[in-house]
N, C-alpha and C. Protein backbone atom coordinates (compact mmCIF):
# COMPACT_ATOMS: atom_id res chain seq x y z
N MET A 1 -47.57 42.10 58.73
CA MET A 1 -48.39 42.46 59.84
C MET A 1 -49.59 43.29 59.42
N LEU A 2 -49.34 44.27 58.58
CA LEU A 2 -50.44 45.11 58.17
C LEU A 2 -51.23 44.53 57.00
N ILE A 3 -50.56 43.70 56.21
CA ILE A 3 -51.23 43.11 55.05
C ILE A 3 -51.52 41.66 55.36
N SER A 4 -52.75 41.27 55.14
CA SER A 4 -53.11 39.88 55.41
C SER A 4 -52.78 39.03 54.18
N ASN A 5 -52.57 37.76 54.39
CA ASN A 5 -52.25 36.85 53.30
C ASN A 5 -53.47 36.65 52.42
N ALA A 6 -53.24 36.63 51.08
CA ALA A 6 -54.31 36.39 50.13
C ALA A 6 -54.17 34.97 49.59
N TYR A 7 -55.24 34.25 49.56
CA TYR A 7 -55.24 32.88 49.07
C TYR A 7 -56.13 32.79 47.85
N ALA A 8 -55.71 31.97 46.88
CA ALA A 8 -56.50 31.78 45.68
C ALA A 8 -57.75 31.00 46.00
N GLN A 9 -58.82 31.43 45.40
CA GLN A 9 -60.08 30.77 45.63
C GLN A 9 -60.23 29.66 44.59
N THR A 10 -60.56 28.48 45.02
CA THR A 10 -60.72 27.37 44.10
C THR A 10 -62.16 27.32 43.61
N THR A 11 -62.28 27.02 42.28
CA THR A 11 -63.61 26.89 41.70
C THR A 11 -63.67 25.58 40.94
N ALA A 12 -64.85 25.16 40.61
CA ALA A 12 -65.03 23.94 39.83
C ALA A 12 -64.54 24.19 38.41
N ALA A 13 -63.87 23.20 37.83
CA ALA A 13 -63.34 23.35 36.47
C ALA A 13 -64.49 23.34 35.47
N ASP A 14 -64.42 24.30 34.51
CA ASP A 14 -65.44 24.41 33.47
C ASP A 14 -64.95 23.63 32.24
N PRO A 15 -65.64 22.57 31.81
CA PRO A 15 -65.13 21.77 30.70
C PRO A 15 -65.11 22.53 29.36
N THR A 16 -65.94 23.54 29.16
CA THR A 16 -65.94 24.29 27.91
C THR A 16 -65.00 25.48 27.95
N GLY A 17 -64.42 25.79 29.07
CA GLY A 17 -63.54 26.96 29.20
C GLY A 17 -62.29 26.84 28.35
N GLY A 18 -61.70 25.66 28.24
CA GLY A 18 -60.50 25.47 27.44
C GLY A 18 -60.76 25.69 25.97
N LEU A 19 -61.87 25.15 25.49
CA LEU A 19 -62.22 25.31 24.08
C LEU A 19 -62.56 26.76 23.75
N MET A 20 -63.29 27.40 24.60
CA MET A 20 -63.67 28.79 24.36
C MET A 20 -62.46 29.72 24.47
N GLY A 21 -61.44 29.32 25.19
CA GLY A 21 -60.23 30.13 25.28
C GLY A 21 -59.37 30.03 24.03
N ILE A 22 -59.39 28.87 23.38
CA ILE A 22 -58.59 28.66 22.19
C ILE A 22 -59.29 29.17 20.94
N LEU A 23 -60.60 29.19 20.93
CA LEU A 23 -61.38 29.59 19.78
C LEU A 23 -61.02 30.98 19.23
N PRO A 24 -60.84 32.01 20.04
CA PRO A 24 -60.44 33.31 19.48
C PRO A 24 -59.06 33.28 18.80
N MET A 25 -58.13 32.49 19.34
CA MET A 25 -56.81 32.40 18.71
C MET A 25 -56.90 31.70 17.35
N VAL A 26 -57.73 30.67 17.26
CA VAL A 26 -57.91 29.98 15.99
C VAL A 26 -58.56 30.91 14.98
N ALA A 27 -59.55 31.67 15.43
CA ALA A 27 -60.22 32.62 14.54
C ALA A 27 -59.25 33.70 14.05
N MET A 28 -58.38 34.20 14.91
CA MET A 28 -57.41 35.22 14.53
C MET A 28 -56.40 34.65 13.52
N PHE A 29 -55.98 33.41 13.73
CA PHE A 29 -55.04 32.79 12.79
C PHE A 29 -55.71 32.62 11.42
N ALA A 30 -56.96 32.18 11.39
CA ALA A 30 -57.68 32.02 10.13
C ALA A 30 -57.82 33.37 9.41
N LEU A 31 -58.13 34.41 10.15
CA LEU A 31 -58.26 35.75 9.57
C LEU A 31 -56.91 36.22 9.01
N LEU A 32 -55.85 36.00 9.76
CA LEU A 32 -54.51 36.36 9.32
C LEU A 32 -54.15 35.59 8.05
N TRP A 33 -54.49 34.31 8.00
CA TRP A 33 -54.20 33.48 6.84
C TRP A 33 -54.87 34.02 5.59
N PHE A 34 -56.17 34.32 5.68
CA PHE A 34 -56.91 34.74 4.49
C PHE A 34 -56.64 36.18 4.08
N LEU A 35 -56.24 37.04 5.00
CA LEU A 35 -56.00 38.43 4.67
C LEU A 35 -54.56 38.75 4.31
N MET A 36 -53.60 37.99 4.84
CA MET A 36 -52.20 38.34 4.62
C MET A 36 -51.38 37.23 3.97
N ILE A 37 -51.39 36.05 4.53
CA ILE A 37 -50.48 35.00 4.08
C ILE A 37 -50.90 34.44 2.73
N ARG A 38 -52.16 34.12 2.55
CA ARG A 38 -52.64 33.51 1.32
C ARG A 38 -52.44 34.41 0.09
N PRO A 39 -52.80 35.70 0.14
CA PRO A 39 -52.55 36.55 -1.02
C PRO A 39 -51.06 36.71 -1.35
N GLN A 40 -50.23 36.75 -0.32
CA GLN A 40 -48.79 36.87 -0.55
C GLN A 40 -48.24 35.61 -1.23
N MET A 41 -48.72 34.44 -0.80
CA MET A 41 -48.28 33.19 -1.43
C MET A 41 -48.76 33.11 -2.88
N LYS A 42 -49.97 33.59 -3.14
CA LYS A 42 -50.51 33.58 -4.49
C LYS A 42 -49.70 34.50 -5.42
N LYS A 43 -49.33 35.67 -4.91
CA LYS A 43 -48.55 36.61 -5.69
C LYS A 43 -47.15 36.05 -5.98
N ALA A 44 -46.55 35.39 -5.00
CA ALA A 44 -45.22 34.79 -5.18
C ALA A 44 -45.28 33.67 -6.22
N LYS A 45 -46.35 32.89 -6.20
CA LYS A 45 -46.52 31.81 -7.16
C LYS A 45 -46.67 32.36 -8.58
N GLU A 46 -47.42 33.45 -8.74
CA GLU A 46 -47.59 34.07 -10.05
C GLU A 46 -46.27 34.63 -10.57
N HIS A 47 -45.47 35.25 -9.68
CA HIS A 47 -44.18 35.81 -10.08
C HIS A 47 -43.22 34.70 -10.49
N LYS A 48 -43.26 33.59 -9.77
CA LYS A 48 -42.39 32.46 -10.11
C LYS A 48 -42.74 31.93 -11.50
N ALA A 49 -44.04 31.84 -11.81
CA ALA A 49 -44.46 31.38 -13.13
C ALA A 49 -44.03 32.37 -14.21
N LEU A 50 -44.11 33.66 -13.92
CA LEU A 50 -43.68 34.70 -14.86
C LEU A 50 -42.19 34.56 -15.16
N VAL A 51 -41.39 34.37 -14.12
CA VAL A 51 -39.93 34.27 -14.28
C VAL A 51 -39.57 33.01 -15.06
N GLU A 52 -40.26 31.91 -14.80
CA GLU A 52 -39.94 30.66 -15.50
C GLU A 52 -40.34 30.73 -16.98
N ALA A 53 -41.29 31.57 -17.32
CA ALA A 53 -41.77 31.66 -18.70
C ALA A 53 -41.00 32.69 -19.54
N LEU A 54 -40.00 33.34 -18.98
CA LEU A 54 -39.25 34.34 -19.74
C LEU A 54 -38.50 33.70 -20.90
N ALA A 55 -38.53 34.36 -22.04
CA ALA A 55 -37.85 33.84 -23.23
C ALA A 55 -37.17 34.98 -23.97
N LYS A 56 -36.25 34.62 -24.84
CA LYS A 56 -35.53 35.60 -25.66
C LYS A 56 -36.55 36.35 -26.52
N GLY A 57 -36.42 37.69 -26.55
CA GLY A 57 -37.32 38.52 -27.35
C GLY A 57 -38.46 39.13 -26.56
N ASP A 58 -38.69 38.67 -25.33
CA ASP A 58 -39.75 39.26 -24.50
C ASP A 58 -39.36 40.67 -24.11
N GLU A 59 -40.33 41.55 -24.08
CA GLU A 59 -40.11 42.93 -23.63
C GLU A 59 -40.57 43.01 -22.18
N VAL A 60 -39.68 43.49 -21.31
CA VAL A 60 -39.95 43.48 -19.88
C VAL A 60 -39.59 44.82 -19.23
N ILE A 61 -40.11 45.00 -18.03
CA ILE A 61 -39.70 46.09 -17.16
C ILE A 61 -39.25 45.45 -15.85
N THR A 62 -38.05 45.83 -15.40
CA THR A 62 -37.54 45.27 -14.15
C THR A 62 -38.18 46.00 -12.97
N GLN A 63 -37.97 45.46 -11.79
CA GLN A 63 -38.50 46.09 -10.59
C GLN A 63 -37.84 47.44 -10.32
N ALA A 64 -36.66 47.66 -10.91
CA ALA A 64 -35.98 48.94 -10.76
C ALA A 64 -36.47 49.96 -11.78
N GLY A 65 -37.31 49.52 -12.73
CA GLY A 65 -37.86 50.44 -13.70
C GLY A 65 -37.15 50.44 -15.04
N MET A 66 -36.20 49.57 -15.24
CA MET A 66 -35.45 49.48 -16.49
C MET A 66 -36.28 48.70 -17.51
N ALA A 67 -36.50 49.29 -18.67
CA ALA A 67 -37.28 48.63 -19.72
C ALA A 67 -36.35 48.18 -20.84
N GLY A 68 -36.61 46.99 -21.37
CA GLY A 68 -35.79 46.50 -22.46
C GLY A 68 -36.29 45.19 -23.00
N LYS A 69 -35.53 44.67 -23.97
CA LYS A 69 -35.87 43.40 -24.61
C LYS A 69 -34.85 42.37 -24.16
N ILE A 70 -35.31 41.17 -23.87
CA ILE A 70 -34.42 40.10 -23.41
C ILE A 70 -33.59 39.61 -24.59
N ALA A 71 -32.24 39.67 -24.44
CA ALA A 71 -31.33 39.23 -25.48
C ALA A 71 -30.88 37.79 -25.25
N ASP A 72 -30.79 37.37 -24.00
CA ASP A 72 -30.36 36.00 -23.68
C ASP A 72 -30.88 35.64 -22.30
N VAL A 73 -31.27 34.38 -22.12
CA VAL A 73 -31.79 33.90 -20.83
C VAL A 73 -30.92 32.76 -20.35
N GLY A 74 -30.42 32.88 -19.11
CA GLY A 74 -29.66 31.80 -18.49
C GLY A 74 -30.47 31.18 -17.36
N ASP A 75 -29.78 30.41 -16.51
CA ASP A 75 -30.48 29.77 -15.38
C ASP A 75 -30.95 30.79 -14.36
N THR A 76 -30.06 31.71 -13.97
CA THR A 76 -30.42 32.69 -12.94
C THR A 76 -30.31 34.13 -13.43
N TYR A 77 -29.64 34.34 -14.57
CA TYR A 77 -29.45 35.69 -15.08
C TYR A 77 -30.00 35.80 -16.50
N LEU A 78 -30.24 37.04 -16.92
CA LEU A 78 -30.64 37.30 -18.29
C LEU A 78 -29.97 38.57 -18.76
N LEU A 79 -29.78 38.69 -20.07
CA LEU A 79 -29.22 39.90 -20.67
C LEU A 79 -30.38 40.72 -21.20
N LEU A 80 -30.44 41.95 -20.76
CA LEU A 80 -31.52 42.85 -21.16
C LEU A 80 -30.94 43.92 -22.07
N GLU A 81 -31.44 44.00 -23.29
CA GLU A 81 -30.98 45.01 -24.24
C GLU A 81 -31.83 46.27 -24.02
N VAL A 82 -31.21 47.31 -23.47
CA VAL A 82 -31.93 48.54 -23.14
C VAL A 82 -31.84 49.58 -24.24
N ALA A 83 -30.84 49.45 -25.10
CA ALA A 83 -30.69 50.32 -26.27
C ALA A 83 -29.95 49.50 -27.33
N GLU A 84 -29.84 50.04 -28.52
CA GLU A 84 -29.17 49.34 -29.61
C GLU A 84 -27.72 49.06 -29.22
N GLY A 85 -27.38 47.79 -29.04
CA GLY A 85 -26.01 47.40 -28.70
C GLY A 85 -25.65 47.54 -27.23
N VAL A 86 -26.59 47.93 -26.36
CA VAL A 86 -26.32 48.08 -24.93
C VAL A 86 -27.07 46.99 -24.18
N GLN A 87 -26.30 46.09 -23.56
CA GLN A 87 -26.92 44.98 -22.82
C GLN A 87 -26.48 45.02 -21.37
N ILE A 88 -27.44 44.75 -20.49
CA ILE A 88 -27.18 44.75 -19.05
C ILE A 88 -27.62 43.40 -18.51
N LYS A 89 -26.81 42.86 -17.59
CA LYS A 89 -27.13 41.57 -16.99
C LYS A 89 -27.96 41.80 -15.72
N PHE A 90 -29.10 41.10 -15.64
CA PHE A 90 -29.99 41.18 -14.48
C PHE A 90 -30.29 39.77 -13.98
N GLN A 91 -30.65 39.69 -12.71
CA GLN A 91 -31.19 38.44 -12.20
C GLN A 91 -32.60 38.28 -12.76
N LYS A 92 -32.98 37.04 -13.00
CA LYS A 92 -34.32 36.79 -13.53
C LYS A 92 -35.41 37.24 -12.55
N GLN A 93 -35.12 37.15 -11.27
CA GLN A 93 -36.09 37.55 -10.24
C GLN A 93 -36.37 39.04 -10.25
N ALA A 94 -35.50 39.83 -10.90
CA ALA A 94 -35.67 41.28 -10.94
C ALA A 94 -36.72 41.73 -11.94
N VAL A 95 -37.20 40.82 -12.78
CA VAL A 95 -38.22 41.18 -13.77
C VAL A 95 -39.55 41.37 -13.05
N GLY A 96 -40.17 42.51 -13.29
CA GLY A 96 -41.44 42.80 -12.64
C GLY A 96 -42.65 42.59 -13.52
N VAL A 97 -42.53 42.99 -14.81
CA VAL A 97 -43.67 42.94 -15.73
C VAL A 97 -43.18 42.51 -17.10
N VAL A 98 -43.95 41.65 -17.76
CA VAL A 98 -43.70 41.32 -19.16
C VAL A 98 -44.69 42.14 -19.98
N LEU A 99 -44.15 42.92 -20.92
CA LEU A 99 -44.97 43.81 -21.75
C LEU A 99 -45.43 43.09 -23.01
N PRO A 100 -46.53 43.55 -23.61
CA PRO A 100 -46.92 43.01 -24.91
C PRO A 100 -45.89 43.37 -25.97
N LYS A 101 -45.77 42.54 -27.00
CA LYS A 101 -44.79 42.78 -28.07
C LYS A 101 -45.04 44.14 -28.74
N GLY A 102 -43.95 44.87 -28.99
CA GLY A 102 -44.04 46.17 -29.66
C GLY A 102 -44.26 47.34 -28.73
N THR A 103 -44.35 47.12 -27.44
CA THR A 103 -44.60 48.21 -26.49
C THR A 103 -43.40 49.14 -26.38
N LEU A 104 -42.19 48.59 -26.48
CA LEU A 104 -41.00 49.43 -26.31
C LEU A 104 -40.86 50.47 -27.41
N LYS A 105 -41.39 50.20 -28.58
CA LYS A 105 -41.30 51.16 -29.69
C LYS A 105 -42.17 52.40 -29.41
N THR A 106 -43.19 52.24 -28.60
CA THR A 106 -44.08 53.36 -28.31
C THR A 106 -43.61 54.18 -27.12
N LEU A 107 -42.64 53.69 -26.38
CA LEU A 107 -42.16 54.43 -25.20
C LEU A 107 -41.27 55.58 -25.58
């Protein structure tokens, strides 16, 4: 009684309105792709290549900070010699950095 009914006002359809409405979403997705997704995929690809190239005798540092020389490499695990006669088994994915030869002697 006190409030009158409100009716939607009809307007002519704008043919460019749909495209202009989608354009900001496409631009945001492109920005997200180039700033976040693409660099992350590139970094993952580089790490995968690093892990596949691991060989016996390489000096590495794991993501946990353990430094040592690779004593044996398996399909998913490797033996890391951290001291004379002390070997620890790690997943290959845990390797963070491959050091140049002879670096462990200077540490």
